[in-house]
Amino acid sequence: MNVEMQRRTGTSNACRLYNDSAYSRSDLQVVHAKLNIMRKRWMAKLKKDDIAQPLYRFPVKEIQKNLPPENMKTIRAITDINRNANLSEYMYQADIILTLAQIEQIIENDENQERVRRQAYRDRFYPNTIWDKTFYYYFAPTATDTVKTVLKAAAQYWQQNTCIKFVESTTAPNRVRVLKGDGCYSYVGRVGGVQDLSLGKGCESPSGCGDILIAGPSYSLMISHVGDGTRQAKMDFKRCNYWIKAPQGKRVQVRLENYEGFGADGCIYGGVEIKAHPDQLRTGYR
């Protein structure tokens, strides 16, 4: 009974993704089939690499650390969110909706390793598939106040630090519909017409992890727990972002009390990254 219910749920979510979003223009079933073929090819390559170098990707030393209480709210990985929504098999790299032209370009590049991987999203319609200096978006009725706040805060930051202008519009010919769907997903670039960006439950930081803080005249202690409390090997980091604002004319000083013991055999599995420069890439983990 449980297996049948899960199967029906998966079919329902896939149909809803197909019927209610711009994903219908992506030839859902064809893209899905091509993704499966590509994943099987990659898994075969990974198994071959494991046989040749069985300890290549995993640390050999057991990691010891203090785990947060089980009832503490933590960040869930996008991969977990979309898997629980039965959407992950339709996504590329966890949260990307691909058009048929994009998946065919990726497969072609994968077969010809001499080509540059970063050009995988430059399909035959490029440069019409990239946004110009104005990005148009609007909110669907399902978008909650939290979704709107998260999107507007991100848009404001990008607009202040890039040359791209974000404009809310329900009439622009090419625009993004921001909604609260069953998972976390979006397109890459501009596909034409209305395209979806879903910020479902868990796509933003949960309560207790991630916030906007105002620096004061004296030091304040902040304790933040990130992760699900398990020690299984993971392919990506779980992240928790805090924005610390300084009063007008002041600067923020951050002092890290302790960040030792977050590595095993040279492999970093945890850390803190402070982004203080206008160029957000000029930072590193501690």
Protein backbone atom coordinates (compact mmCIF):
# COMPACT_ATOMS: atom_id res chain seq x y z
CA MET A 1 0.00 0.00 0.00
CA ASN A 2 2.75 2.44 0.86
CA VAL A 3 4.60 1.69 -2.35
CA GLU A 4 1.51 2.31 -4.43
CA MET A 5 0.81 5.58 -2.67
CA GLN A 6 4.35 6.77 -3.33
CA ARG A 7 4.08 5.84 -6.98
CA ARG A 8 0.84 7.73 -7.37
CA THR A 9 2.26 10.72 -5.60
CA GLY A 10 5.21 10.76 -7.97
CA THR A 11 2.97 10.58 -11.01
CA SER A 12 0.77 13.35 -9.67
CA ASN A 13 3.70 15.68 -9.04
CA ALA A 14 5.16 15.05 -12.48
CA CYS A 15 1.83 15.75 -14.15
CA ARG A 16 1.35 18.92 -12.11
CA LEU A 17 4.86 20.06 -13.02
CA TYR A 18 4.02 19.41 -16.68
CA ASN A 19 0.56 20.97 -16.80
CA ASP A 20 0.84 23.96 -14.49
CA SER A 21 4.23 25.37 -15.42
CA ALA A 22 6.35 26.44 -18.35
CA TYR A 23 7.97 23.00 -18.09
CA SER A 24 5.37 21.78 -20.61
CA ARG A 25 7.48 23.36 -23.34
CA SER A 26 10.48 21.26 -22.29
CA ASP A 27 9.15 17.95 -23.70
CA LEU A 28 9.04 16.49 -20.20
CA GLN A 29 9.09 12.79 -21.02
CA VAL A 30 11.82 13.12 -23.66
CA VAL A 31 14.04 15.16 -21.34
CA HIS A 32 13.37 12.66 -18.53
CA ALA A 33 14.43 9.73 -20.71
CA LYS A 34 17.61 11.48 -21.84
CA LEU A 35 18.48 12.40 -18.24
CA ASN A 36 18.17 8.73 -17.24
CA ILE A 37 20.48 7.66 -20.06
CA MET A 38 23.05 10.28 -19.07
CA ARG A 39 22.88 9.34 -15.36
CA LYS A 40 23.42 5.65 -16.13
CA ARG A 41 26.46 6.57 -18.20
CA TRP A 42 27.88 8.72 -15.39
CA MET A 43 27.21 6.06 -12.74
CA ALA A 44 29.05 3.49 -14.84
CA LYS A 45 32.02 5.85 -15.04
CA LEU A 46 31.97 6.46 -11.26
CA LYS A 47 31.92 2.72 -10.55
CA LYS A 48 34.86 2.29 -12.90
CA ASP A 49 36.76 5.05 -11.07
CA ASP A 50 35.96 3.45 -7.68
CA ILE A 51 37.45 0.16 -8.81
CA ALA A 52 40.61 1.93 -9.96
CA GLN A 53 40.87 4.21 -6.88
CA PRO A 54 38.52 2.93 -4.16
CA LEU A 55 39.54 5.54 -1.54
CA TYR A 56 39.68 8.47 -3.93
CA ARG A 57 36.56 10.37 -2.85
CA PHE A 58 36.11 9.55 0.84
CA PRO A 59 38.21 10.36 3.95
CA VAL A 60 39.55 7.29 5.74
CA LYS A 61 39.33 8.81 9.22
CA GLU A 62 36.09 8.77 11.21
CA ILE A 63 34.80 12.27 11.92
CA GLN A 64 33.94 13.08 15.54
CA LYS A 65 31.84 16.11 16.34
CA ASN A 66 29.13 17.38 18.65
CA LEU A 67 25.76 16.90 16.98
CA PRO A 68 22.77 19.23 17.51
CA PRO A 69 19.64 17.89 19.22
CA GLU A 70 17.40 15.80 16.96
CA ASN A 71 14.47 18.19 17.38
CA MET A 72 16.47 21.24 16.27
CA LYS A 73 15.43 22.73 12.93
CA THR A 74 18.18 22.47 10.36
CA ILE A 75 18.66 23.24 6.69
CA ARG A 76 17.50 20.53 4.31
CA ALA A 77 19.46 20.02 1.13
CA ILE A 78 17.66 20.88 -2.10
CA THR A 79 18.35 17.33 -3.26
CA ASP A 80 16.37 15.99 -0.28
CA ILE A 81 13.51 18.46 -0.78
CA ASN A 82 13.05 17.57 -4.44
CA ARG A 83 13.49 13.86 -3.78
CA ASN A 84 10.75 13.93 -1.15
CA ALA A 85 8.53 15.75 -3.66
CA ASN A 86 9.26 13.02 -6.25
CA LEU A 87 10.75 15.60 -8.61
CA SER A 88 14.49 14.88 -8.48
CA GLU A 89 14.49 12.46 -11.41
CA TYR A 90 13.18 15.26 -13.65
CA MET A 91 15.90 17.72 -12.57
CA TYR A 92 19.46 18.27 -13.71
CA GLN A 93 22.01 18.91 -10.94
CA ALA A 94 19.25 18.71 -8.30
CA ASP A 95 17.17 21.79 -9.16
CA ILE A 96 17.53 22.72 -12.85
CA ILE A 97 14.77 22.29 -15.42
CA LEU A 98 16.29 21.65 -18.83
CA THR A 99 14.82 22.29 -22.23
CA LEU A 100 15.19 19.62 -24.90
CA ALA A 101 17.82 21.72 -26.69
CA GLN A 102 19.84 22.05 -23.46
CA ILE A 103 19.86 18.34 -22.59
CA GLU A 104 20.85 17.45 -26.15
CA GLN A 105 23.71 19.98 -25.97
CA ILE A 106 24.90 18.56 -22.63
CA ILE A 107 24.87 15.00 -23.99
CA GLU A 108 26.79 16.12 -27.07
CA ASN A 109 29.39 17.88 -24.91
CA ASP A 110 29.67 14.83 -22.65
CA GLU A 111 30.38 12.63 -25.64
CA ASN A 112 32.99 15.09 -26.92
CA GLN A 113 35.16 15.89 -23.90
CA GLU A 114 37.29 18.37 -25.85
CA ARG A 115 34.51 20.96 -25.78
CA VAL A 116 34.15 23.38 -22.88
CA ARG A 117 31.65 22.18 -20.26
CA ARG A 118 30.56 25.71 -19.36
CA GLN A 119 29.09 26.07 -22.84
CA ALA A 120 26.55 23.31 -22.17
CA TYR A 121 23.78 25.88 -21.72
CA ARG A 122 24.59 27.71 -24.95
CA ASP A 123 22.19 25.83 -27.19
CA ARG A 124 21.39 26.61 -30.81
CA PHE A 125 19.13 29.49 -29.72
CA TYR A 126 21.95 31.41 -27.97
CA PRO A 127 22.14 34.41 -27.35
CA ASN A 128 18.34 34.63 -27.29
CA THR A 129 18.36 32.27 -24.30
CA ILE A 130 20.08 34.71 -21.94
CA TRP A 131 18.54 37.66 -20.12
CA ASP A 132 19.55 41.16 -21.07
CA LYS A 133 20.10 43.84 -18.43
CA THR A 134 16.51 43.63 -17.19
CA PHE A 135 15.05 40.58 -15.44
CA TYR A 136 11.24 40.56 -15.23
CA TYR A 137 9.36 38.55 -12.62
CA TYR A 138 6.01 38.37 -10.87
CA PHE A 139 4.46 36.40 -8.03
CA ALA A 140 1.91 33.63 -8.51
CA PRO A 141 -1.07 33.41 -6.09
CA THR A 142 0.69 30.52 -4.31
CA ALA A 143 3.68 32.72 -3.36
CA THR A 144 3.66 33.32 0.40
CA ASP A 145 4.93 36.41 2.18
CA THR A 146 8.11 34.49 3.02
CA VAL A 147 8.69 33.60 -0.63
CA LYS A 148 8.16 37.24 -1.64
CA THR A 149 10.52 38.50 1.05
CA VAL A 150 13.27 36.05 0.08
CA LEU A 151 13.00 36.83 -3.64
CA LYS A 152 12.89 40.60 -3.16
CA ALA A 153 15.86 40.55 -0.79
CA ALA A 154 17.88 38.50 -3.28
CA ALA A 155 16.82 40.73 -6.18
CA GLN A 156 17.83 43.84 -4.25
CA TYR A 157 21.25 42.39 -3.49
CA TRP A 158 21.89 41.29 -7.09
CA GLN A 159 20.72 44.63 -8.42
CA GLN A 160 23.09 46.49 -6.10
CA ASN A 161 26.08 44.30 -6.97
CA THR A 162 25.55 43.59 -10.67
CA CYS A 163 24.47 45.47 -13.78
CA ILE A 164 21.14 43.58 -13.92
CA LYS A 165 17.91 45.38 -13.09
CA PHE A 166 15.02 43.45 -11.51
CA VAL A 167 11.51 44.61 -12.39
CA GLU A 168 8.23 43.15 -11.12
CA SER A 169 5.85 42.89 -14.08
CA THR A 170 2.86 40.76 -15.04
CA THR A 171 2.85 41.93 -18.65
CA ALA A 172 6.45 41.58 -19.87
CA PRO A 173 6.62 39.12 -22.80
CA ASN A 174 9.44 37.19 -21.12
CA ARG A 175 9.08 36.91 -17.35
CA VAL A 176 9.59 34.53 -14.43
CA ARG A 177 6.65 33.36 -12.37
CA VAL A 178 7.76 32.96 -8.74
CA LEU A 179 5.62 30.41 -6.91
CA LYS A 180 5.56 28.11 -3.94
CA GLY A 181 5.54 24.73 -5.65
CA ASP A 182 6.29 21.21 -4.45
CA GLY A 183 10.05 21.70 -4.58
CA CYS A 184 12.96 23.99 -5.44
CA TYR A 185 13.61 24.41 -9.15
CA SER A 186 14.03 26.86 -12.02
CA TYR A 187 15.21 27.13 -15.60
CA VAL A 188 18.66 28.18 -16.75
CA GLY A 189 18.60 31.39 -18.74
CA ARG A 190 15.55 32.64 -20.64
CA VAL A 191 13.36 30.08 -22.39
CA GLY A 192 10.79 32.57 -23.72
CA GLY A 193 7.36 33.53 -22.42
CA VAL A 194 6.49 32.68 -18.83
CA GLN A 195 8.88 30.37 -16.98
CA ASP A 196 8.70 29.12 -13.42
CA LEU A 197 10.89 29.50 -10.36
CA SER A 198 9.64 27.46 -7.41
CA LEU A 199 10.55 28.22 -3.80
CA GLY A 200 8.69 25.42 -2.05
CA LYS A 201 8.70 24.46 1.60
CA GLY A 202 12.26 24.30 2.89
CA CYS A 203 13.84 26.13 -0.05
CA GLU A 204 14.54 29.09 2.20
CA SER A 205 16.34 28.84 5.54
CA PRO A 206 14.09 27.45 8.30
CA SER A 207 13.35 29.26 11.53
CA GLY A 208 16.45 29.44 13.71
CA CYS A 209 18.92 29.22 10.83
CA GLY A 210 19.67 32.25 8.70
CA ASP A 211 18.62 35.79 9.53
CA ILE A 212 19.31 39.49 9.00
CA LEU A 213 21.17 40.88 12.03
CA ILE A 214 22.04 44.45 13.07
CA ALA A 215 25.45 44.92 14.67
CA GLY A 216 25.47 46.67 18.06
CA PRO A 217 28.10 48.58 20.08
CA SER A 218 29.18 45.46 22.01
CA TYR A 219 29.85 41.82 21.12
CA SER A 220 26.88 39.46 20.86
CA LEU A 221 27.31 35.68 20.93
CA MET A 222 25.64 33.79 18.10
CA ILE A 223 25.37 29.98 18.03
CA SER A 224 24.18 28.33 14.82
CA HIS A 225 23.77 24.61 14.11
CA VAL A 226 23.80 23.45 10.50
CA GLY A 227 23.24 19.93 9.22
CA ASP A 228 20.96 16.95 9.78
CA GLY A 229 23.03 15.32 12.53
CA THR A 230 24.20 12.36 10.44
CA ARG A 231 27.70 11.32 9.44
CA GLN A 232 26.92 9.79 6.07
CA ALA A 233 29.04 10.98 3.15
CA LYS A 234 27.37 13.84 1.27
CA MET A 235 28.04 15.33 -2.15
CA ASP A 236 27.52 18.95 -1.10
CA PHE A 237 27.54 21.24 1.94
CA LYS A 238 24.46 22.35 3.86
CA ARG A 239 24.53 26.11 4.24
CA CYS A 240 23.12 28.72 6.60
CA ASN A 241 23.43 32.40 5.63
CA TYR A 242 23.39 35.36 8.01
CA TRP A 243 23.42 38.98 6.83
CA ILE A 244 25.01 41.30 9.41
CA LYS A 245 24.33 44.98 8.82
CA ALA A 246 26.34 47.82 10.33
CA PRO A 247 24.75 51.05 11.61
CA GLN A 248 25.21 54.07 9.37
CA GLY A 249 28.86 55.10 9.26
CA LYS A 250 30.03 52.04 11.24
CA ARG A 251 31.77 48.77 10.42
CA VAL A 252 31.09 45.20 11.51
CA GLN A 253 33.69 43.23 13.45
CA VAL A 254 33.26 39.45 13.58
CA ARG A 255 35.32 37.32 15.97
CA LEU A 256 35.34 33.53 15.62
CA GLU A 257 35.76 31.83 18.98
CA ASN A 258 36.68 28.38 17.66
CA TYR A 259 36.76 26.77 14.25
CA GLU A 260 39.19 23.89 14.82
CA GLY A 261 38.56 20.23 14.07
CA PHE A 262 36.55 20.75 10.89
CA GLY A 263 38.76 18.68 8.63
CA ALA A 264 39.96 15.12 8.19
CA ASP A 265 43.06 14.24 6.18
CA GLY A 266 42.93 17.58 4.41
CA CYS A 267 39.24 17.30 3.50
CA ILE A 268 37.13 20.21 4.77
CA TYR A 269 33.67 19.17 5.96
CA GLY A 270 32.59 22.34 7.76
CA GLY A 271 33.53 25.97 8.18
CA VAL A 272 32.59 29.64 8.25
CA GLU A 273 32.95 31.96 5.28
CA ILE A 274 32.80 35.73 5.87
CA LYS A 275 31.94 37.74 2.77
CA ALA A 276 32.96 41.35 3.38
CA HIS A 277 34.13 42.51 -0.05
CA PRO A 278 31.97 43.84 -2.87
CA ASP A 279 33.37 40.95 -4.91
CA GLN A 280 31.77 38.02 -3.09
CA LEU A 281 34.25 35.56 -4.65
CA ARG A 282 37.23 37.06 -2.81
CA THR A 283 36.67 35.04 0.35
CA GLY A 284 37.45 31.61 1.73
CA TYR A 285 36.37 29.20 4.45
CA ARG A 286 37.90 29.03 7.91
